[in-house]
Amino acid sequence: MTERPGWAKSPPDLVDAFGRELSTMEGAQRRQMFGYPAAFVNGNLFTSLHQAAWVVRLPEDARTELLAQPGARIFEPMAGRPMKEYVVVPAELIEQPELLRLWLQRSFAYVQSLPPKKK
């Protein structure tokens, strides 16, 4: 899919960081979604970029924990259309690869526990 009108491209350094982190995650399937880098497990999205945001899908307890961090928020790709299981990772965590990796692993484990997406 192509990028939607009005949506900015992700910054190159964020795209590079996404590629670096996902290259270490065995079992993650990388592809584009709405023109942005995304990663799936069993056909379900677990992380992606959207404009200048890095998004992870988490269960309720982990979502609450991440949302307590300054700068974290529920992902809302369009005004008034929140995606409740998805959280925007704060920039400070993205700048700390070891912490970012922990959140990516938690997201991957959660989504891996979900039923595979039917084709």
PDB file of N, CA and C in Angstrom:
ATOM      1  N   MET A   1       0.835  -1.172   0.000  1.00  0.00           N
ATOM      2  CA  MET A   1       0.000   0.000   0.000  1.00  0.00           C
ATOM      3  C   MET A   1       0.881   1.238   0.000  1.00  0.00           C
ATOM      4  N   THR A   2       0.371   2.284  -0.519  1.00  0.00           N
ATOM      5  CA  THR A   2       1.156   3.506  -0.582  1.00  0.00           C
ATOM      6  C   THR A   2       0.793   4.436   0.562  1.00  0.00           C
ATOM      7  N   GLU A   3       1.658   5.392   0.780  1.00  0.00           N
ATOM      8  CA  GLU A   3       1.445   6.372   1.831  1.00  0.00           C
ATOM      9  C   GLU A   3       0.188   7.181   1.521  1.00  0.00           C
ATOM     10  N   ARG A   4      -0.573   7.513   2.548  1.00  0.00           N
ATOM     11  CA  ARG A   4      -1.820   8.255   2.360  1.00  0.00           C
ATOM     12  C   ARG A   4      -1.538   9.746   2.238  1.00  0.00           C
ATOM     13  N   PRO A   5      -2.361  10.449   1.458  1.00  0.00           N
ATOM     14  CA  PRO A   5      -2.187  11.908   1.331  1.00  0.00           C
ATOM     15  C   PRO A   5      -2.265  12.576   2.700  1.00  0.00           C
ATOM     16  N   GLY A   6      -1.365  13.539   2.937  1.00  0.00           N
ATOM     17  CA  GLY A   6      -1.347  14.242   4.205  1.00  0.00           C
ATOM     18  C   GLY A   6      -0.498  13.579   5.279  1.00  0.00           C
ATOM     19  N   TRP A   7      -0.049  12.362   5.027  1.00  0.00           N
ATOM     20  CA  TRP A   7       0.806  11.671   5.983  1.00  0.00           C
ATOM     21  C   TRP A   7       2.253  11.866   5.548  1.00  0.00           C
ATOM     22  N   ALA A   8       3.089  12.315   6.467  1.00  0.00           N
ATOM     23  CA  ALA A   8       4.504  12.536   6.173  1.00  0.00           C
ATOM     24  C   ALA A   8       5.260  11.215   6.190  1.00  0.00           C
ATOM     25  N   LYS A   9       6.324  11.157   5.423  1.00  0.00           N
ATOM     26  CA  LYS A   9       7.200   9.980   5.464  1.00  0.00           C
ATOM     27  C   LYS A   9       7.910   9.933   6.814  1.00  0.00           C
ATOM     28  N   SER A  10       8.267   8.735   7.240  1.00  0.00           N
ATOM     29  CA  SER A  10       9.038   8.586   8.475  1.00  0.00           C
ATOM     30  C   SER A  10      10.448   9.120   8.243  1.00  0.00           C
ATOM     31  N   PRO A  11      11.034   9.752   9.257  1.00  0.00           N
ATOM     32  CA  PRO A  11      12.408  10.248   9.130  1.00  0.00           C
ATOM     33  C   PRO A  11      13.369   9.088   8.809  1.00  0.00           C
ATOM     34  N   PRO A  12      14.350   9.333   7.932  1.00  0.00           N
ATOM     35  CA  PRO A  12      15.290   8.272   7.549  1.00  0.00           C
ATOM     36  C   PRO A  12      15.999   7.610   8.729  1.00  0.00           C
ATOM     37  N   ASP A  13      16.366   8.382   9.760  1.00  0.00           N
ATOM     38  CA  ASP A  13      17.050   7.768  10.907  1.00  0.00           C
ATOM     39  C   ASP A  13      16.122   6.820  11.668  1.00  0.00           C
ATOM     40  N   LEU A  14      14.825   7.120  11.708  1.00  0.00           N
ATOM     41  CA  LEU A  14      13.861   6.234  12.355  1.00  0.00           C
ATOM     42  C   LEU A  14      13.665   4.959  11.533  1.00  0.00           C
ATOM     43  N   VAL A  15      13.610   5.110  10.218  1.00  0.00           N
ATOM     44  CA  VAL A  15      13.492   3.953   9.329  1.00  0.00           C
ATOM     45  C   VAL A  15      14.720   3.059   9.479  1.00  0.00           C
ATOM     46  N   ASP A  16      15.897   3.666   9.565  1.00  0.00           N
ATOM     47  CA  ASP A  16      17.135   2.896   9.747  1.00  0.00           C
ATOM     48  C   ASP A  16      17.118   2.150  11.084  1.00  0.00           C
ATOM     49  N   ALA A  17      16.688   2.820  12.148  1.00  0.00           N
ATOM     50  CA  ALA A  17      16.623   2.179  13.472  1.00  0.00           C
ATOM     51  C   ALA A  17      15.624   1.023  13.444  1.00  0.00           C
ATOM     52  N   PHE A  18      14.498   1.213  12.783  1.00  0.00           N
ATOM     53  CA  PHE A  18      13.496   0.155  12.660  1.00  0.00           C
ATOM     54  C   PHE A  18      14.116  -1.059  11.965  1.00  0.00           C
ATOM     55  N   GLY A  19      14.809  -0.829  10.882  1.00  0.00           N
ATOM     56  CA  GLY A  19      15.453  -1.923  10.153  1.00  0.00           C
ATOM     57  C   GLY A  19      16.492  -2.646  10.990  1.00  0.00           C
ATOM     58  N   ARG A  20      17.304  -1.891  11.722  1.00  0.00           N
ATOM     59  CA  ARG A  20      18.331  -2.501  12.587  1.00  0.00           C
ATOM     60  C   ARG A  20      17.695  -3.389  13.654  1.00  0.00           C
ATOM     61  N   GLU A  21      16.705  -2.855  14.333  1.00  0.00           N
ATOM     62  CA  GLU A  21      16.080  -3.611  15.426  1.00  0.00           C
ATOM     63  C   GLU A  21      15.350  -4.846  14.908  1.00  0.00           C
ATOM     64  N   LEU A  22      14.620  -4.705  13.817  1.00  0.00           N
ATOM     65  CA  LEU A  22      13.842  -5.833  13.311  1.00  0.00           C
ATOM     66  C   LEU A  22      14.727  -6.904  12.690  1.00  0.00           C
ATOM     67  N   SER A  23      15.909  -6.532  12.236  1.00  0.00           N
ATOM     68  CA  SER A  23      16.803  -7.527  11.641  1.00  0.00           C
ATOM     69  C   SER A  23      17.284  -8.540  12.676  1.00  0.00           C
ATOM     70  N   THR A  24      17.172  -8.200  13.958  1.00  0.00           N
ATOM     71  CA  THR A  24      17.621  -9.108  15.023  1.00  0.00           C
ATOM     72  C   THR A  24      16.483  -9.973  15.569  1.00  0.00           C
ATOM     73  N   MET A  25      15.263  -9.755  15.087  1.00  0.00           N
ATOM     74  CA  MET A  25      14.104 -10.456  15.640  1.00  0.00           C
ATOM     75  C   MET A  25      13.696 -11.622  14.742  1.00  0.00           C
ATOM     76  N   GLU A  26      14.126 -12.817  15.134  1.00  0.00           N
ATOM     77  CA  GLU A  26      13.802 -14.013  14.372  1.00  0.00           C
ATOM     78  C   GLU A  26      12.299 -14.264  14.403  1.00  0.00           C
ATOM     79  N   GLY A  27      11.733 -14.511  13.245  1.00  0.00           N
ATOM     80  CA  GLY A  27      10.304 -14.784  13.136  1.00  0.00           C
ATOM     81  C   GLY A  27       9.473 -13.570  12.785  1.00  0.00           C
ATOM     82  N   ALA A  28      10.083 -12.383  12.828  1.00  0.00           N
ATOM     83  CA  ALA A  28       9.352 -11.169  12.450  1.00  0.00           C
ATOM     84  C   ALA A  28       9.315 -11.075  10.930  1.00  0.00           C
ATOM     85  N   GLN A  29       8.133 -10.856  10.398  1.00  0.00           N
ATOM     86  CA  GLN A  29       7.968 -10.705   8.950  1.00  0.00           C
ATOM     87  C   GLN A  29       7.810  -9.224   8.646  1.00  0.00           C
ATOM     88  N   ARG A  30       8.742  -8.685   7.894  1.00  0.00           N
ATOM     89  CA  ARG A  30       8.730  -7.249   7.587  1.00  0.00           C
ATOM     90  C   ARG A  30       8.060  -6.997   6.248  1.00  0.00           C
ATOM     91  N   ARG A  31       7.245  -5.948   6.219  1.00  0.00           N
ATOM     92  CA  ARG A  31       6.647  -5.473   4.973  1.00  0.00           C
ATOM     93  C   ARG A  31       6.159  -4.046   5.189  1.00  0.00           C
ATOM     94  N   GLN A  32       5.632  -3.451   4.154  1.00  0.00           N
ATOM     95  CA  GLN A  32       5.124  -2.083   4.228  1.00  0.00           C
ATOM     96  C   GLN A  32       3.626  -2.100   4.528  1.00  0.00           C
ATOM     97  N   MET A  33       3.172  -1.121   5.292  1.00  0.00           N
ATOM     98  CA  MET A  33       1.752  -0.934   5.535  1.00  0.00           C
ATOM     99  C   MET A  33       1.470   0.563   5.434  1.00  0.00           C
ATOM    100  N   PHE A  34       0.627   0.937   4.505  1.00  0.00           N
ATOM    101  CA  PHE A  34       0.332   2.344   4.219  1.00  0.00           C
ATOM    102  C   PHE A  34       1.596   3.137   3.912  1.00  0.00           C
ATOM    103  N   GLY A  35       2.571   2.461   3.317  1.00  0.00           N
ATOM    104  CA  GLY A  35       3.816   3.112   2.931  1.00  0.00           C
ATOM    105  C   GLY A  35       4.861   3.184   4.035  1.00  0.00           C
ATOM    106  N   TYR A  36       4.572   2.615   5.186  1.00  0.00           N
ATOM    107  CA  TYR A  36       5.497   2.656   6.321  1.00  0.00           C
ATOM    108  C   TYR A  36       6.029   1.265   6.635  1.00  0.00           C
ATOM    109  N   PRO A  37       7.263   1.185   7.167  1.00  0.00           N
ATOM    110  CA  PRO A  37       7.794  -0.119   7.587  1.00  0.00           C
ATOM    111  C   PRO A  37       6.925  -0.696   8.703  1.00  0.00           C
ATOM    112  N   ALA A  38       6.678  -2.002   8.611  1.00  0.00           N
ATOM    113  CA  ALA A  38       5.851  -2.686   9.604  1.00  0.00           C
ATOM    114  C   ALA A  38       6.392  -4.093   9.794  1.00  0.00           C
ATOM    115  N   ALA A  39       6.057  -4.699  10.927  1.00  0.00           N
ATOM    116  CA  ALA A  39       6.494  -6.067  11.206  1.00  0.00           C
ATOM    117  C   ALA A  39       5.331  -6.859  11.782  1.00  0.00           C
ATOM    118  N   PHE A  40       5.247  -8.102  11.337  1.00  0.00           N
ATOM    119  CA  PHE A  40       4.138  -8.983  11.679  1.00  0.00           C
ATOM    120  C   PHE A  40       4.668 -10.298  12.223  1.00  0.00           C
ATOM    121  N   VAL A  41       3.825 -10.979  12.994  1.00  0.00           N
ATOM    122  CA  VAL A  41       4.093 -12.346  13.412  1.00  0.00           C
ATOM    123  C   VAL A  41       2.764 -13.088  13.256  1.00  0.00           C
ATOM    124  N   ASN A  42       2.809 -14.229  12.602  1.00  0.00           N
ATOM    125  CA  ASN A  42       1.605 -15.010  12.312  1.00  0.00           C
ATOM    126  C   ASN A  42       0.526 -14.172  11.618  1.00  0.00           C
ATOM    127  N   GLY A  43       0.964 -13.226  10.801  1.00  0.00           N
ATOM    128  CA  GLY A  43       0.033 -12.402  10.047  1.00  0.00           C
ATOM    129  C   GLY A  43      -0.537 -11.218  10.805  1.00  0.00           C
ATOM    130  N   ASN A  44      -0.178 -11.066  12.076  1.00  0.00           N
ATOM    131  CA  ASN A  44      -0.672  -9.962  12.898  1.00  0.00           C
ATOM    132  C   ASN A  44       0.413  -8.907  13.098  1.00  0.00           C
ATOM    133  N   LEU A  45       0.034  -7.652  12.961  1.00  0.00           N
ATOM    134  CA  LEU A  45       0.961  -6.537  13.162  1.00  0.00           C
ATOM    135  C   LEU A  45       1.384  -6.462  14.624  1.00  0.00           C
ATOM    136  N   PHE A  46       2.703  -6.327  14.859  1.00  0.00           N
ATOM    137  CA  PHE A  46       3.151  -6.105  16.240  1.00  0.00           C
ATOM    138  C   PHE A  46       3.887  -4.790  16.408  1.00  0.00           C
ATOM    139  N   THR A  47       4.460  -4.258  15.347  1.00  0.00           N
ATOM    140  CA  THR A  47       5.110  -2.949  15.432  1.00  0.00           C
ATOM    141  C   THR A  47       5.176  -2.326  14.049  1.00  0.00           C
ATOM    142  N   SER A  48       5.195  -0.998  14.035  1.00  0.00           N
ATOM    143  CA  SER A  48       5.321  -0.286  12.768  1.00  0.00           C
ATOM    144  C   SER A  48       5.737   1.151  13.036  1.00  0.00           C
ATOM    145  N   LEU A  49       6.088   1.797  11.962  1.00  0.00           N
ATOM    146  CA  LEU A  49       6.294   3.237  12.007  1.00  0.00           C
ATOM    147  C   LEU A  49       5.056   3.875  11.392  1.00  0.00           C
ATOM    148  N   HIS A  50       4.764   5.088  11.835  1.00  0.00           N
ATOM    149  CA  HIS A  50       3.706   5.895  11.237  1.00  0.00           C
ATOM    150  C   HIS A  50       4.148   7.338  11.363  1.00  0.00           C
ATOM    151  N   GLN A  51       4.473   7.934  10.257  1.00  0.00           N
ATOM    152  CA  GLN A  51       5.057   9.268  10.225  1.00  0.00           C
ATOM    153  C   GLN A  51       6.305   9.267  11.111  1.00  0.00           C
ATOM    154  N   ALA A  52       6.358  10.110  12.150  1.00  0.00           N
ATOM    155  CA  ALA A  52       7.549  10.157  13.013  1.00  0.00           C
ATOM    156  C   ALA A  52       7.361   9.322  14.280  1.00  0.00           C
ATOM    157  N   ALA A  53       6.346   8.455  14.297  1.00  0.00           N
ATOM    158  CA  ALA A  53       6.045   7.653  15.484  1.00  0.00           C
ATOM    159  C   ALA A  53       6.426   6.190  15.276  1.00  0.00           C
ATOM    160  N   TRP A  54       6.883   5.555  16.361  1.00  0.00           N
ATOM    161  CA  TRP A  54       7.129   4.106  16.400  1.00  0.00           C
ATOM    162  C   TRP A  54       6.036   3.534  17.286  1.00  0.00           C
ATOM    163  N   VAL A  55       5.321   2.558  16.775  1.00  0.00           N
ATOM    164  CA  VAL A  55       4.141   2.024  17.434  1.00  0.00           C
ATOM    165  C   VAL A  55       4.349   0.550  17.779  1.00  0.00           C
ATOM    166  N   VAL A  56       3.887   0.137  18.971  1.00  0.00           N
ATOM    167  CA  VAL A  56       3.925  -1.271  19.371  1.00  0.00           C
ATOM    168  C   VAL A  56       2.541  -1.687  19.851  1.00  0.00           C
ATOM    169  N   ARG A  57       2.220  -2.961  19.640  1.00  0.00           N
ATOM    170  CA  ARG A  57       0.952  -3.529  20.108  1.00  0.00           C
ATOM    171  C   ARG A  57       1.230  -4.297  21.396  1.00  0.00           C
ATOM    172  N   LEU A  58       0.436  -4.005  22.435  1.00  0.00           N
ATOM    173  CA  LEU A  58       0.702  -4.578  23.749  1.00  0.00           C
ATOM    174  C   LEU A  58      -0.585  -5.019  24.438  1.00  0.00           C
ATOM    175  N   PRO A  59      -0.460  -5.997  25.359  1.00  0.00           N
ATOM    176  CA  PRO A  59      -1.615  -6.351  26.185  1.00  0.00           C
ATOM    177  C   PRO A  59      -1.880  -5.229  27.189  1.00  0.00           C
ATOM    178  N   GLU A  60      -3.016  -5.294  27.825  1.00  0.00           N
ATOM    179  CA  GLU A  60      -3.447  -4.195  28.693  1.00  0.00           C
ATOM    180  C   GLU A  60      -2.442  -3.821  29.776  1.00  0.00           C
ATOM    181  N   ASP A  61      -1.874  -4.802  30.489  1.00  0.00           N
ATOM    182  CA  ASP A  61      -0.943  -4.472  31.576  1.00  0.00           C
ATOM    183  C   ASP A  61       0.306  -3.767  31.065  1.00  0.00           C
ATOM    184  N   ALA A  62       0.868  -4.248  29.981  1.00  0.00           N
ATOM    185  CA  ALA A  62       2.067  -3.623  29.408  1.00  0.00           C
ATOM    186  C   ALA A  62       1.733  -2.263  28.799  1.00  0.00           C
ATOM    187  N   ARG A  63       0.549  -2.154  28.225  1.00  0.00           N
ATOM    188  CA  ARG A  63       0.100  -0.874  27.659  1.00  0.00           C
ATOM    189  C   ARG A  63       0.023   0.176  28.762  1.00  0.00           C
ATOM    190  N   THR A  64      -0.561  -0.193  29.888  1.00  0.00           N
ATOM    191  CA  THR A  64      -0.671   0.725  31.029  1.00  0.00           C
ATOM    192  C   THR A  64       0.712   1.152  31.503  1.00  0.00           C
ATOM    193  N   GLU A  65       1.634   0.203  31.551  1.00  0.00           N
ATOM    194  CA  GLU A  65       3.010   0.490  31.977  1.00  0.00           C
ATOM    195  C   GLU A  65       3.699   1.464  31.023  1.00  0.00           C
ATOM    196  N   LEU A  66       3.569   1.210  29.727  1.00  0.00           N
ATOM    197  CA  LEU A  66       4.221   2.099  28.755  1.00  0.00           C
ATOM    198  C   LEU A  66       3.550   3.470  28.723  1.00  0.00           C
ATOM    199  N   LEU A  67       2.228   3.500  28.840  1.00  0.00           N
ATOM    200  CA  LEU A  67       1.521   4.782  28.811  1.00  0.00           C
ATOM    201  C   LEU A  67       1.869   5.670  30.003  1.00  0.00           C
ATOM    202  N   ALA A  68       2.441   5.095  31.050  1.00  0.00           N
ATOM    203  CA  ALA A  68       2.877   5.884  32.202  1.00  0.00           C
ATOM    204  C   ALA A  68       4.165   6.654  31.906  1.00  0.00           C
ATOM    205  N   GLN A  69       4.843   6.300  30.818  1.00  0.00           N
ATOM    206  CA  GLN A  69       6.085   6.977  30.433  1.00  0.00           C
ATOM    207  C   GLN A  69       5.760   8.311  29.755  1.00  0.00           C
ATOM    208  N   PRO A  70       6.499   9.380  30.086  1.00  0.00           N
ATOM    209  CA  PRO A  70       6.262  10.665  29.418  1.00  0.00           C
ATOM    210  C   PRO A  70       6.437  10.524  27.898  1.00  0.00           C
ATOM    211  N   GLY A  71       5.488  11.047  27.169  1.00  0.00           N
ATOM    212  CA  GLY A  71       5.560  11.016  25.705  1.00  0.00           C
ATOM    213  C   GLY A  71       4.831   9.844  25.069  1.00  0.00           C
ATOM    214  N   ALA A  72       4.485   8.832  25.855  1.00  0.00           N
ATOM    215  CA  ALA A  72       3.742   7.691  25.304  1.00  0.00           C
ATOM    216  C   ALA A  72       2.270   8.081  25.188  1.00  0.00           C
ATOM    217  N   ARG A  73       1.605   7.523  24.178  1.00  0.00           N
ATOM    218  CA  ARG A  73       0.181   7.792  23.999  1.00  0.00           C
ATOM    219  C   ARG A  73      -0.439   6.676  23.166  1.00  0.00           C
ATOM    220  N   ILE A  74      -1.740   6.528  23.271  1.00  0.00           N
ATOM    221  CA  ILE A  74      -2.448   5.571  22.420  1.00  0.00           C
ATOM    222  C   ILE A  74      -2.291   6.041  20.974  1.00  0.00           C
ATOM    223  N   PHE A  75      -2.040   5.097  20.097  1.00  0.00           N
ATOM    224  CA  PHE A  75      -1.865   5.397  18.678  1.00  0.00           C
ATOM    225  C   PHE A  75      -3.213   5.757  18.058  1.00  0.00           C
ATOM    226  N   GLU A  76      -3.236   6.907  17.403  1.00  0.00           N
ATOM    227  CA  GLU A  76      -4.436   7.407  16.743  1.00  0.00           C
ATOM    228  C   GLU A  76      -4.032   7.894  15.350  1.00  0.00           C
ATOM    229  N   PRO A  77      -4.044   6.983  14.346  1.00  0.00           N
ATOM    230  CA  PRO A  77      -3.571   7.376  13.012  1.00  0.00           C
ATOM    231  C   PRO A  77      -4.421   8.450  12.357  1.00  0.00           C
ATOM    232  N   MET A  78      -5.696   8.511  12.729  1.00  0.00           N
ATOM    233  CA  MET A  78      -6.589   9.559  12.249  1.00  0.00           C
ATOM    234  C   MET A  78      -7.361  10.081  13.460  1.00  0.00           C
ATOM    235  N   ALA A  79      -7.559  11.372  13.505  1.00  0.00           N
ATOM    236  CA  ALA A  79      -8.250  11.981  14.642  1.00  0.00           C
ATOM    237  C   ALA A  79      -9.564  11.268  14.928  1.00  0.00           C
ATOM    238  N   GLY A  80      -9.745  10.922  16.207  1.00  0.00           N
ATOM    239  CA  GLY A  80     -10.969  10.257  16.620  1.00  0.00           C
ATOM    240  C   GLY A  80     -11.020   8.769  16.330  1.00  0.00           C
ATOM    241  N   ARG A  81      -9.895   8.186  15.847  1.00  0.00           N
ATOM    242  CA  ARG A  81      -9.854   6.759  15.514  1.00  0.00           C
ATOM    243  C   ARG A  81      -8.695   6.075  16.230  1.00  0.00           C
ATOM    244  N   PRO A  82      -8.751   6.009  17.566  1.00  0.00           N
ATOM    245  CA  PRO A  82      -7.654   5.370  18.305  1.00  0.00           C
ATOM    246  C   PRO A  82      -7.629   3.864  18.056  1.00  0.00           C
ATOM    247  N   MET A  83      -6.436   3.326  18.093  1.00  0.00           N
ATOM    248  CA  MET A  83      -6.231   1.876  18.004  1.00  0.00           C
ATOM    249  C   MET A  83      -5.785   1.454  19.404  1.00  0.00           C
ATOM    250  N   LYS A  84      -6.737   0.974  20.214  1.00  0.00           N
ATOM    251  CA  LYS A  84      -6.524   0.843  21.658  1.00  0.00           C
ATOM    252  C   LYS A  84      -5.383  -0.067  22.076  1.00  0.00           C
ATOM    253  N   GLU A  85      -5.028  -1.066  21.313  1.00  0.00           N
ATOM    254  CA  GLU A  85      -3.927  -1.955  21.723  1.00  0.00           C
ATOM    255  C   GLU A  85      -2.558  -1.423  21.313  1.00  0.00           C
ATOM    256  N   TYR A  86      -2.524  -0.323  20.600  1.00  0.00           N
ATOM    257  CA  TYR A  86      -1.270   0.196  20.045  1.00  0.00           C
ATOM    258  C   TYR A  86      -0.862   1.476  20.768  1.00  0.00           C
ATOM    259  N   VAL A  87       0.426   1.522  21.132  1.00  0.00           N
ATOM    260  CA  VAL A  87       0.977   2.662  21.864  1.00  0.00           C
ATOM    261  C   VAL A  87       2.150   3.237  21.077  1.00  0.00           C
ATOM    262  N   VAL A  88       2.209   4.564  21.033  1.00  0.00           N
ATOM    263  CA  VAL A  88       3.353   5.258  20.444  1.00  0.00           C
ATOM    264  C   VAL A  88       4.476   5.248  21.477  1.00  0.00           C
ATOM    265  N   VAL A  89       5.624   4.728  21.081  1.00  0.00           N
ATOM    266  CA  VAL A  89       6.792   4.646  21.959  1.00  0.00           C
ATOM    267  C   VAL A  89       7.395   6.049  22.112  1.00  0.00           C
ATOM    268  N   PRO A  90       7.654   6.484  23.343  1.00  0.00           N
ATOM    269  CA  PRO A  90       8.266   7.801  23.546  1.00  0.00           C
ATOM    270  C   PRO A  90       9.650   7.885  22.889  1.00  0.00           C
ATOM    271  N   ALA A  91       9.975   9.057  22.379  1.00  0.00           N
ATOM    272  CA  ALA A  91      11.259   9.278  21.699  1.00  0.00           C
ATOM    273  C   ALA A  91      12.442   8.898  22.590  1.00  0.00           C
ATOM    274  N   GLU A  92      12.333   9.152  23.893  1.00  0.00           N
ATOM    275  CA  GLU A  92      13.431   8.847  24.811  1.00  0.00           C
ATOM    276  C   GLU A  92      13.749   7.356  24.827  1.00  0.00           C
ATOM    277  N   LEU A  93      12.725   6.511  24.684  1.00  0.00           N
ATOM    278  CA  LEU A  93      12.965   5.060  24.656  1.00  0.00           C
ATOM    279  C   LEU A  93      13.576   4.626  23.330  1.00  0.00           C
ATOM    280  N   ILE A  94      13.180   5.280  22.258  1.00  0.00           N
ATOM    281  CA  ILE A  94      13.732   4.942  20.942  1.00  0.00           C
ATOM    282  C   ILE A  94      15.234   5.228  20.922  1.00  0.00           C
ATOM    283  N   GLU A  95      15.646   6.249  21.661  1.00  0.00           N
ATOM    284  CA  GLU A  95      17.055   6.620  21.729  1.00  0.00           C
ATOM    285  C   GLU A  95      17.863   5.695  22.639  1.00  0.00           C
ATOM    286  N   GLN A  96      17.200   4.744  23.295  1.00  0.00           N
ATOM    287  CA  GLN A  96      17.873   3.776  24.168  1.00  0.00           C
ATOM    288  C   GLN A  96      17.572   2.377  23.630  1.00  0.00           C
ATOM    289  N   PRO A  97      18.381   1.909  22.678  1.00  0.00           N
ATOM    290  CA  PRO A  97      18.080   0.649  21.996  1.00  0.00           C
ATOM    291  C   PRO A  97      17.796  -0.534  22.916  1.00  0.00           C
ATOM    292  N   GLU A  98      18.489  -0.620  24.060  1.00  0.00           N
ATOM    293  CA  GLU A  98      18.258  -1.763  24.947  1.00  0.00           C
ATOM    294  C   GLU A  98      16.846  -1.728  25.537  1.00  0.00           C
ATOM    295  N   LEU A  99      16.326  -0.545  25.843  1.00  0.00           N
ATOM    296  CA  LEU A  99      14.954  -0.431  26.362  1.00  0.00           C
ATOM    297  C   LEU A  99      13.931  -0.624  25.246  1.00  0.00           C
ATOM    298  N   LEU A 100      14.209  -0.041  24.106  1.00  0.00           N
ATOM    299  CA  LEU A 100      13.327  -0.218  22.954  1.00  0.00           C
ATOM    300  C   LEU A 100      13.188  -1.697  22.625  1.00  0.00           C
ATOM    301  N   ARG A 101      14.301  -2.402  22.633  1.00  0.00           N
ATOM    302  CA  ARG A 101      14.303  -3.841  22.327  1.00  0.00           C
ATOM    303  C   ARG A 101      13.400  -4.617  23.281  1.00  0.00           C
ATOM    304  N   LEU A 102      13.402  -4.247  24.550  1.00  0.00           N
ATOM    305  CA  LEU A 102      12.532  -4.921  25.531  1.00  0.00           C
ATOM    306  C   LEU A 102      11.058  -4.737  25.162  1.00  0.00           C
ATOM    307  N   TRP A 103      10.677  -3.520  24.771  1.00  0.00           N
ATOM    308  CA  TRP A 103       9.288  -3.274  24.378  1.00  0.00           C
ATOM    309  C   TRP A 103       8.940  -4.014  23.093  1.00  0.00           C
ATOM    310  N   LEU A 104       9.863  -4.063  22.167  1.00  0.00           N
ATOM    311  CA  LEU A 104       9.623  -4.815  20.925  1.00  0.00           C
ATOM    312  C   LEU A 104       9.445  -6.299  21.225  1.00  0.00           C
ATOM    313  N   GLN A 105      10.254  -6.826  22.132  1.00  0.00           N
ATOM    314  CA  GLN A 105      10.136  -8.239  22.496  1.00  0.00           C
ATOM    315  C   GLN A 105       8.808  -8.521  23.198  1.00  0.00           C
ATOM    316  N   ARG A 106       8.372  -7.599  24.042  1.00  0.00           N
ATOM    317  CA  ARG A 106       7.084  -7.766  24.717  1.00  0.00           C
ATOM    318  C   ARG A 106       5.943  -7.727  23.702  1.00  0.00           C
ATOM    319  N   SER A 107       6.041  -6.811  22.757  1.00  0.00           N
ATOM    320  CA  SER A 107       5.023  -6.717  21.714  1.00  0.00           C
ATOM    321  C   SER A 107       4.999  -7.988  20.872  1.00  0.00           C
ATOM    322  N   PHE A 108       6.167  -8.445  20.466  1.00  0.00           N
ATOM    323  CA  PHE A 108       6.276  -9.661  19.653  1.00  0.00           C
ATOM    324  C   PHE A 108       5.668 -10.854  20.396  1.00  0.00           C
ATOM    325  N   ALA A 109       6.020 -11.031  21.675  1.00  0.00           N
ATOM    326  CA  ALA A 109       5.517 -12.156  22.467  1.00  0.00           C
ATOM    327  C   ALA A 109       3.999 -12.103  22.598  1.00  0.00           C
ATOM    328  N   TYR A 110       3.463 -10.903  22.826  1.00  0.00           N
ATOM    329  CA  TYR A 110       2.015 -10.762  22.944  1.00  0.00           C
ATOM    330  C   TYR A 110       1.326 -11.141  21.640  1.00  0.00           C
ATOM    331  N   VAL A 111       1.774 -10.582  20.554  1.00  0.00           N
ATOM    332  CA  VAL A 111       1.116 -10.829  19.265  1.00  0.00           C
ATOM    333  C   VAL A 111       1.318 -12.275  18.819  1.00  0.00           C
ATOM    334  N   GLN A 112       2.450 -12.858  19.172  1.00  0.00           N
ATOM    335  CA  GLN A 112       2.690 -14.266  18.843  1.00  0.00           C
ATOM    336  C   GLN A 112       1.690 -15.169  19.580  1.00  0.00           C
ATOM    337  N   SER A 113       1.183 -14.718  20.728  1.00  0.00           N
ATOM    338  CA  SER A 113       0.223 -15.515  21.493  1.00  0.00           C
ATOM    339  C   SER A 113      -1.198 -15.422  20.915  1.00  0.00           C
ATOM    340  N   LEU A 114      -1.429 -14.498  20.011  1.00  0.00           N
ATOM    341  CA  LEU A 114      -2.753 -14.337  19.411  1.00  0.00           C
ATOM    342  C   LEU A 114      -2.974 -15.385  18.328  1.00  0.00           C
ATOM    343  N   PRO A 115      -4.232 -15.673  18.005  1.00  0.00           N
ATOM    344  CA  PRO A 115      -4.492 -16.612  16.907  1.00  0.00           C
ATOM    345  C   PRO A 115      -3.916 -16.076  15.604  1.00  0.00           C
ATOM    346  N   PRO A 116      -3.325 -16.955  14.789  1.00  0.00           N
ATOM    347  CA  PRO A 116      -2.801 -16.498  13.496  1.00  0.00           C
ATOM    348  C   PRO A 116      -3.913 -15.878  12.649  1.00  0.00           C
ATOM    349  N   LYS A 117      -3.538 -14.865  11.887  1.00  0.00           N
ATOM    350  CA  LYS A 117      -4.478 -14.206  10.987  1.00  0.00           C
ATOM    351  C   LYS A 117      -4.785 -15.152   9.826  1.00  0.00           C
ATOM    352  N   LYS A 118      -6.035 -15.308   9.509  1.00  0.00           N
ATOM    353  CA  LYS A 118      -6.414 -16.150   8.378  1.00  0.00           C
ATOM    354  C   LYS A 118      -6.194 -15.392   7.083  1.00  0.00           C
ATOM    355  N   LYS A 119      -5.713 -16.116   6.065  1.00  0.00           N
ATOM    356  CA  LYS A 119      -5.440 -15.472   4.777  1.00  0.00           C
ATOM    357  C   LYS A 119      -6.704 -15.359   3.973  1.00  0.00           C
TER     358      LYS A 119
END
